[in-house]
Amino acid sequence: MSIGQKIKYHRKLKGLKQKDLAAILGISDKTISSWEIDRTEPSMDMINKMCELFKIDASVLIAPPTTTPSLSQDELDIINKYRSLNEYGKNDLFRRADELIKLDYTNDDYEPEP
């Protein structure tokens, strides 16, 4: 993903429109649009502000674009949901994941009984 695609992805994940993000950052929505279509790139100051808002590390946005992502969109969504949890939620998520593994949800042929 390019930096513009990453900005758009995280903006939408937060439920923000371009104009909403622009208002938070104190810039125009046309600037957000320009970033998202990779016409221009944000300054490091803007990247840091977005990362604080999105609760992600700056390396997430500025890592070089990849042609074949190592994680699927579903996997990225799970990671972002995990990051939004507090410590209790994270511990509960791990406990529930262990329960699913014990139920053999790791086997592609497994179907739960009705």
N, C-alpha and C. Protein backbone atom coordinates (compact mmCIF):
# COMPACT_ATOMS: atom_id res chain seq x y z
N MET A 1 0.84 -1.19 0.00
CA MET A 1 0.00 0.00 0.00
C MET A 1 0.88 1.25 0.00
N SER A 2 0.46 2.25 -0.73
CA SER A 2 1.16 3.53 -0.72
C SER A 2 0.79 4.30 0.54
N ILE A 3 1.52 5.37 0.82
CA ILE A 3 1.20 6.19 1.99
C ILE A 3 -0.21 6.76 1.89
N GLY A 4 -0.61 7.16 0.69
CA GLY A 4 -1.96 7.69 0.51
C GLY A 4 -3.02 6.64 0.79
N GLN A 5 -2.81 5.42 0.32
CA GLN A 5 -3.76 4.34 0.58
C GLN A 5 -3.84 4.03 2.08
N LYS A 6 -2.69 4.10 2.75
CA LYS A 6 -2.67 3.84 4.20
C LYS A 6 -3.42 4.93 4.96
N ILE A 7 -3.23 6.17 4.55
CA ILE A 7 -3.96 7.27 5.20
C ILE A 7 -5.47 7.06 5.03
N LYS A 8 -5.87 6.76 3.80
CA LYS A 8 -7.29 6.55 3.52
C LYS A 8 -7.84 5.38 4.34
N TYR A 9 -7.09 4.30 4.40
CA TYR A 9 -7.52 3.11 5.14
C TYR A 9 -7.73 3.46 6.62
N HIS A 10 -6.75 4.11 7.24
CA HIS A 10 -6.85 4.41 8.66
C HIS A 10 -7.89 5.49 8.94
N ARG A 11 -8.06 6.43 8.01
CA ARG A 11 -9.11 7.44 8.16
C ARG A 11 -10.47 6.77 8.20
N LYS A 12 -10.71 5.87 7.24
CA LYS A 12 -12.00 5.19 7.17
C LYS A 12 -12.21 4.27 8.38
N LEU A 13 -11.12 3.63 8.82
CA LEU A 13 -11.21 2.76 9.99
C LEU A 13 -11.67 3.54 11.22
N LYS A 14 -11.28 4.82 11.29
CA LYS A 14 -11.69 5.71 12.38
C LYS A 14 -13.09 6.28 12.15
N GLY A 15 -13.67 6.00 10.97
CA GLY A 15 -15.01 6.51 10.65
C GLY A 15 -15.02 7.98 10.31
N LEU A 16 -13.89 8.48 9.77
CA LEU A 16 -13.78 9.89 9.44
C LEU A 16 -13.92 10.12 7.94
N LYS A 17 -14.54 11.22 7.57
CA LYS A 17 -14.55 11.67 6.18
C LYS A 17 -13.31 12.54 5.98
N GLN A 18 -12.98 12.80 4.73
CA GLN A 18 -11.83 13.65 4.45
C GLN A 18 -11.97 15.01 5.14
N LYS A 19 -13.17 15.58 5.11
CA LYS A 19 -13.36 16.90 5.72
C LYS A 19 -13.19 16.83 7.24
N ASP A 20 -13.55 15.68 7.85
CA ASP A 20 -13.38 15.53 9.29
C ASP A 20 -11.90 15.50 9.67
N LEU A 21 -11.13 14.69 8.93
CA LEU A 21 -9.70 14.60 9.19
C LEU A 21 -9.04 15.96 8.94
N ALA A 22 -9.45 16.62 7.88
CA ALA A 22 -8.89 17.93 7.56
C ALA A 22 -9.14 18.92 8.70
N ALA A 23 -10.35 18.91 9.25
CA ALA A 23 -10.69 19.83 10.35
C ALA A 23 -9.84 19.53 11.58
N ILE A 24 -9.64 18.26 11.88
CA ILE A 24 -8.83 17.87 13.03
C ILE A 24 -7.39 18.35 12.85
N LEU A 25 -6.87 18.22 11.63
CA LEU A 25 -5.48 18.58 11.35
C LEU A 25 -5.30 20.06 11.05
N GLY A 26 -6.40 20.78 10.84
CA GLY A 26 -6.32 22.21 10.54
C GLY A 26 -5.86 22.50 9.13
N ILE A 27 -6.27 21.64 8.20
CA ILE A 27 -5.90 21.81 6.79
C ILE A 27 -7.15 21.62 5.94
N SER A 28 -7.01 21.75 4.62
CA SER A 28 -8.18 21.61 3.74
C SER A 28 -8.41 20.14 3.38
N ASP A 29 -9.66 19.83 3.05
CA ASP A 29 -9.97 18.47 2.62
C ASP A 29 -9.33 18.16 1.27
N LYS A 30 -9.04 19.19 0.50
CA LYS A 30 -8.34 18.98 -0.79
C LYS A 30 -6.92 18.46 -0.55
N THR A 31 -6.30 18.89 0.55
CA THR A 31 -4.97 18.39 0.90
C THR A 31 -5.05 16.91 1.24
N ILE A 32 -6.07 16.52 2.00
CA ILE A 32 -6.26 15.11 2.35
C ILE A 32 -6.44 14.31 1.07
N SER A 33 -7.28 14.80 0.17
CA SER A 33 -7.52 14.14 -1.10
C SER A 33 -6.22 13.98 -1.88
N SER A 34 -5.41 15.02 -1.91
CA SER A 34 -4.14 14.98 -2.62
C SER A 34 -3.20 13.92 -2.04
N TRP A 35 -3.20 13.78 -0.73
CA TRP A 35 -2.39 12.73 -0.09
C TRP A 35 -2.90 11.36 -0.47
N GLU A 36 -4.22 11.19 -0.41
CA GLU A 36 -4.82 9.87 -0.60
C GLU A 36 -4.69 9.37 -2.04
N ILE A 37 -4.55 10.28 -2.99
CA ILE A 37 -4.33 9.83 -4.38
C ILE A 37 -2.85 9.88 -4.75
N ASP A 38 -2.03 10.09 -3.73
CA ASP A 38 -0.56 10.10 -3.90
C ASP A 38 -0.05 11.19 -4.84
N ARG A 39 -0.77 12.29 -4.90
CA ARG A 39 -0.28 13.44 -5.67
C ARG A 39 0.79 14.16 -4.87
N THR A 40 0.55 14.28 -3.57
CA THR A 40 1.52 14.89 -2.66
C THR A 40 1.61 14.01 -1.42
N GLU A 41 2.61 14.31 -0.58
CA GLU A 41 2.77 13.56 0.67
C GLU A 41 2.74 14.52 1.85
N PRO A 42 2.21 14.05 2.98
CA PRO A 42 2.17 14.92 4.16
C PRO A 42 3.56 15.13 4.75
N SER A 43 3.70 16.22 5.48
CA SER A 43 4.95 16.48 6.21
C SER A 43 5.04 15.51 7.38
N MET A 44 6.23 15.40 7.96
CA MET A 44 6.39 14.52 9.13
C MET A 44 5.53 15.00 10.28
N ASP A 45 5.33 16.31 10.40
CA ASP A 45 4.46 16.84 11.45
C ASP A 45 3.04 16.32 11.27
N MET A 46 2.54 16.35 10.04
CA MET A 46 1.19 15.85 9.76
C MET A 46 1.12 14.33 9.95
N ILE A 47 2.16 13.63 9.54
CA ILE A 47 2.20 12.17 9.73
C ILE A 47 2.12 11.85 11.23
N ASN A 48 2.89 12.57 12.03
CA ASN A 48 2.87 12.33 13.48
C ASN A 48 1.50 12.63 14.08
N LYS A 49 0.85 13.69 13.62
CA LYS A 49 -0.49 14.03 14.12
C LYS A 49 -1.50 12.94 13.75
N MET A 50 -1.42 12.45 12.50
CA MET A 50 -2.34 11.40 12.08
C MET A 50 -2.09 10.11 12.86
N CYS A 51 -0.82 9.79 13.06
CA CYS A 51 -0.49 8.56 13.79
C CYS A 51 -0.99 8.62 15.22
N GLU A 52 -0.91 9.79 15.83
CA GLU A 52 -1.45 9.95 17.18
C GLU A 52 -2.96 9.75 17.17
N LEU A 53 -3.62 10.32 16.18
CA LEU A 53 -5.07 10.17 16.05
C LEU A 53 -5.46 8.72 15.77
N PHE A 54 -4.74 8.09 14.84
CA PHE A 54 -5.06 6.71 14.45
C PHE A 54 -4.54 5.68 15.44
N LYS A 55 -3.71 6.12 16.40
CA LYS A 55 -3.09 5.25 17.40
C LYS A 55 -2.23 4.18 16.74
N ILE A 56 -1.38 4.64 15.82
CA ILE A 56 -0.45 3.75 15.13
C ILE A 56 0.94 4.37 15.16
N ASP A 57 1.95 3.55 14.94
CA ASP A 57 3.32 4.04 14.86
C ASP A 57 3.54 4.68 13.49
N ALA A 58 4.38 5.69 13.44
CA ALA A 58 4.64 6.39 12.17
C ALA A 58 5.16 5.44 11.10
N SER A 59 5.87 4.40 11.51
CA SER A 59 6.41 3.46 10.53
C SER A 59 5.30 2.77 9.73
N VAL A 60 4.11 2.70 10.30
CA VAL A 60 2.98 2.09 9.59
C VAL A 60 2.66 2.89 8.33
N LEU A 61 2.71 4.22 8.44
CA LEU A 61 2.40 5.06 7.28
C LEU A 61 3.58 5.26 6.34
N ILE A 62 4.78 5.34 6.89
CA ILE A 62 5.92 5.72 6.04
C ILE A 62 6.74 4.55 5.52
N ALA A 63 6.36 3.33 5.91
CA ALA A 63 7.07 2.17 5.37
C ALA A 63 6.92 2.17 3.85
N PRO A 64 7.95 1.71 3.13
CA PRO A 64 7.86 1.71 1.67
C PRO A 64 6.64 0.92 1.17
N PRO A 65 6.06 1.36 0.06
CA PRO A 65 4.91 0.65 -0.50
C PRO A 65 5.29 -0.78 -0.85
N THR A 66 4.34 -1.66 -0.67
CA THR A 66 4.56 -3.06 -1.02
C THR A 66 3.67 -3.42 -2.19
N THR A 67 4.16 -4.29 -3.03
CA THR A 67 3.34 -4.74 -4.16
C THR A 67 2.48 -5.92 -3.75
N THR A 68 2.96 -6.73 -2.83
CA THR A 68 2.18 -7.85 -2.32
C THR A 68 2.17 -7.77 -0.79
N PRO A 69 1.06 -7.32 -0.22
CA PRO A 69 1.02 -7.18 1.23
C PRO A 69 1.21 -8.52 1.92
N SER A 70 1.94 -8.50 3.02
CA SER A 70 2.18 -9.72 3.75
C SER A 70 0.97 -10.10 4.62
N LEU A 71 0.09 -9.14 4.87
CA LEU A 71 -1.12 -9.40 5.64
C LEU A 71 -2.35 -9.08 4.80
N SER A 72 -3.38 -9.88 4.98
CA SER A 72 -4.64 -9.60 4.28
C SER A 72 -5.34 -8.42 4.94
N GLN A 73 -6.34 -7.89 4.29
CA GLN A 73 -7.10 -6.78 4.85
C GLN A 73 -7.78 -7.20 6.15
N ASP A 74 -8.31 -8.44 6.19
CA ASP A 74 -8.93 -8.94 7.42
C ASP A 74 -7.92 -8.98 8.56
N GLU A 75 -6.69 -9.42 8.26
CA GLU A 75 -5.66 -9.48 9.28
C GLU A 75 -5.30 -8.08 9.78
N LEU A 76 -5.21 -7.11 8.86
CA LEU A 76 -4.92 -5.73 9.26
C LEU A 76 -6.05 -5.17 10.12
N ASP A 77 -7.30 -5.51 9.78
CA ASP A 77 -8.44 -5.05 10.57
C ASP A 77 -8.37 -5.61 11.99
N ILE A 78 -8.03 -6.89 12.10
CA ILE A 78 -7.92 -7.51 13.42
C ILE A 78 -6.82 -6.84 14.24
N ILE A 79 -5.70 -6.57 13.63
CA ILE A 79 -4.59 -5.91 14.33
C ILE A 79 -5.03 -4.53 14.82
N ASN A 80 -5.71 -3.78 13.97
CA ASN A 80 -6.15 -2.44 14.37
C ASN A 80 -7.20 -2.49 15.47
N LYS A 81 -8.08 -3.48 15.42
CA LYS A 81 -9.07 -3.63 16.50
C LYS A 81 -8.37 -4.01 17.80
N TYR A 82 -7.37 -4.89 17.71
CA TYR A 82 -6.58 -5.28 18.88
C TYR A 82 -5.92 -4.06 19.50
N ARG A 83 -5.32 -3.22 18.68
CA ARG A 83 -4.62 -2.04 19.17
C ARG A 83 -5.54 -1.05 19.86
N SER A 84 -6.83 -1.09 19.53
CA SER A 84 -7.77 -0.16 20.15
C SER A 84 -8.25 -0.64 21.53
N LEU A 85 -7.94 -1.89 21.89
CA LEU A 85 -8.37 -2.45 23.16
C LEU A 85 -7.46 -2.03 24.30
N ASN A 86 -8.02 -1.97 25.51
CA ASN A 86 -7.18 -1.77 26.69
C ASN A 86 -6.57 -3.13 27.07
N GLU A 87 -5.78 -3.17 28.13
CA GLU A 87 -5.08 -4.42 28.49
C GLU A 87 -6.05 -5.54 28.83
N TYR A 88 -7.18 -5.22 29.48
CA TYR A 88 -8.17 -6.24 29.82
C TYR A 88 -8.78 -6.84 28.55
N GLY A 89 -9.09 -5.98 27.60
CA GLY A 89 -9.65 -6.45 26.34
C GLY A 89 -8.66 -7.31 25.57
N LYS A 90 -7.38 -6.91 25.57
CA LYS A 90 -6.36 -7.69 24.87
C LYS A 90 -6.22 -9.07 25.50
N ASN A 91 -6.21 -9.13 26.84
CA ASN A 91 -6.11 -10.42 27.52
C ASN A 91 -7.31 -11.29 27.21
N ASP A 92 -8.50 -10.69 27.20
CA ASP A 92 -9.72 -11.44 26.89
C ASP A 92 -9.69 -11.96 25.46
N LEU A 93 -9.19 -11.14 24.53
CA LEU A 93 -9.08 -11.57 23.14
C LEU A 93 -8.17 -12.79 23.01
N PHE A 94 -7.03 -12.78 23.69
CA PHE A 94 -6.13 -13.93 23.65
C PHE A 94 -6.80 -15.17 24.23
N ARG A 95 -7.53 -15.00 25.33
CA ARG A 95 -8.23 -16.14 25.95
C ARG A 95 -9.25 -16.73 24.97
N ARG A 96 -10.01 -15.86 24.32
CA ARG A 96 -11.03 -16.34 23.37
C ARG A 96 -10.39 -17.00 22.14
N ALA A 97 -9.28 -16.46 21.68
CA ALA A 97 -8.58 -17.07 20.54
C ALA A 97 -8.10 -18.46 20.92
N ASP A 98 -7.58 -18.62 22.15
CA ASP A 98 -7.15 -19.95 22.61
C ASP A 98 -8.33 -20.91 22.64
N GLU A 99 -9.50 -20.44 23.05
CA GLU A 99 -10.70 -21.28 23.08
C GLU A 99 -11.07 -21.75 21.67
N LEU A 100 -11.00 -20.85 20.69
CA LEU A 100 -11.31 -21.22 19.30
C LEU A 100 -10.32 -22.26 18.77
N ILE A 101 -9.06 -22.10 19.13
CA ILE A 101 -8.05 -23.07 18.70
C ILE A 101 -8.33 -24.43 19.33
N LYS A 102 -8.72 -24.45 20.59
CA LYS A 102 -9.06 -25.72 21.26
C LYS A 102 -10.26 -26.38 20.60
N LEU A 103 -11.17 -25.57 20.04
CA LEU A 103 -12.34 -26.12 19.34
C LEU A 103 -12.00 -26.60 17.93
N ASP A 104 -10.73 -26.52 17.57
CA ASP A 104 -10.21 -26.99 16.28
C ASP A 104 -10.67 -26.11 15.12
N TYR A 105 -10.86 -24.82 15.37
CA TYR A 105 -11.19 -23.89 14.29
C TYR A 105 -10.00 -23.63 13.38
N THR A 106 -8.87 -24.24 13.67
CA THR A 106 -7.70 -24.10 12.82
C THR A 106 -7.73 -25.07 11.65
N ASN A 107 -8.56 -26.08 11.73
CA ASN A 107 -8.69 -27.10 10.69
C ASN A 107 -9.70 -26.62 9.65
N ASP A 108 -9.28 -26.49 8.38
CA ASP A 108 -10.18 -25.99 7.33
C ASP A 108 -11.40 -26.88 7.11
N ASP A 109 -11.30 -28.15 7.46
CA ASP A 109 -12.41 -29.08 7.27
C ASP A 109 -13.40 -29.07 8.43
N TYR A 110 -13.07 -28.40 9.52
CA TYR A 110 -13.92 -28.43 10.72
C TYR A 110 -15.19 -27.61 10.51
N GLU A 111 -16.31 -28.20 10.89
CA GLU A 111 -17.59 -27.50 10.91
C GLU A 111 -18.23 -27.79 12.26
N PRO A 112 -18.64 -26.74 12.98
CA PRO A 112 -19.25 -26.97 14.29
C PRO A 112 -20.55 -27.75 14.15
N GLU A 113 -20.87 -28.52 15.19
CA GLU A 113 -22.11 -29.28 15.17
C GLU A 113 -23.28 -28.33 15.33
N PRO A 114 -24.42 -28.63 14.67
CA PRO A 114 -25.59 -27.74 14.76
C PRO A 114 -26.22 -27.72 16.13
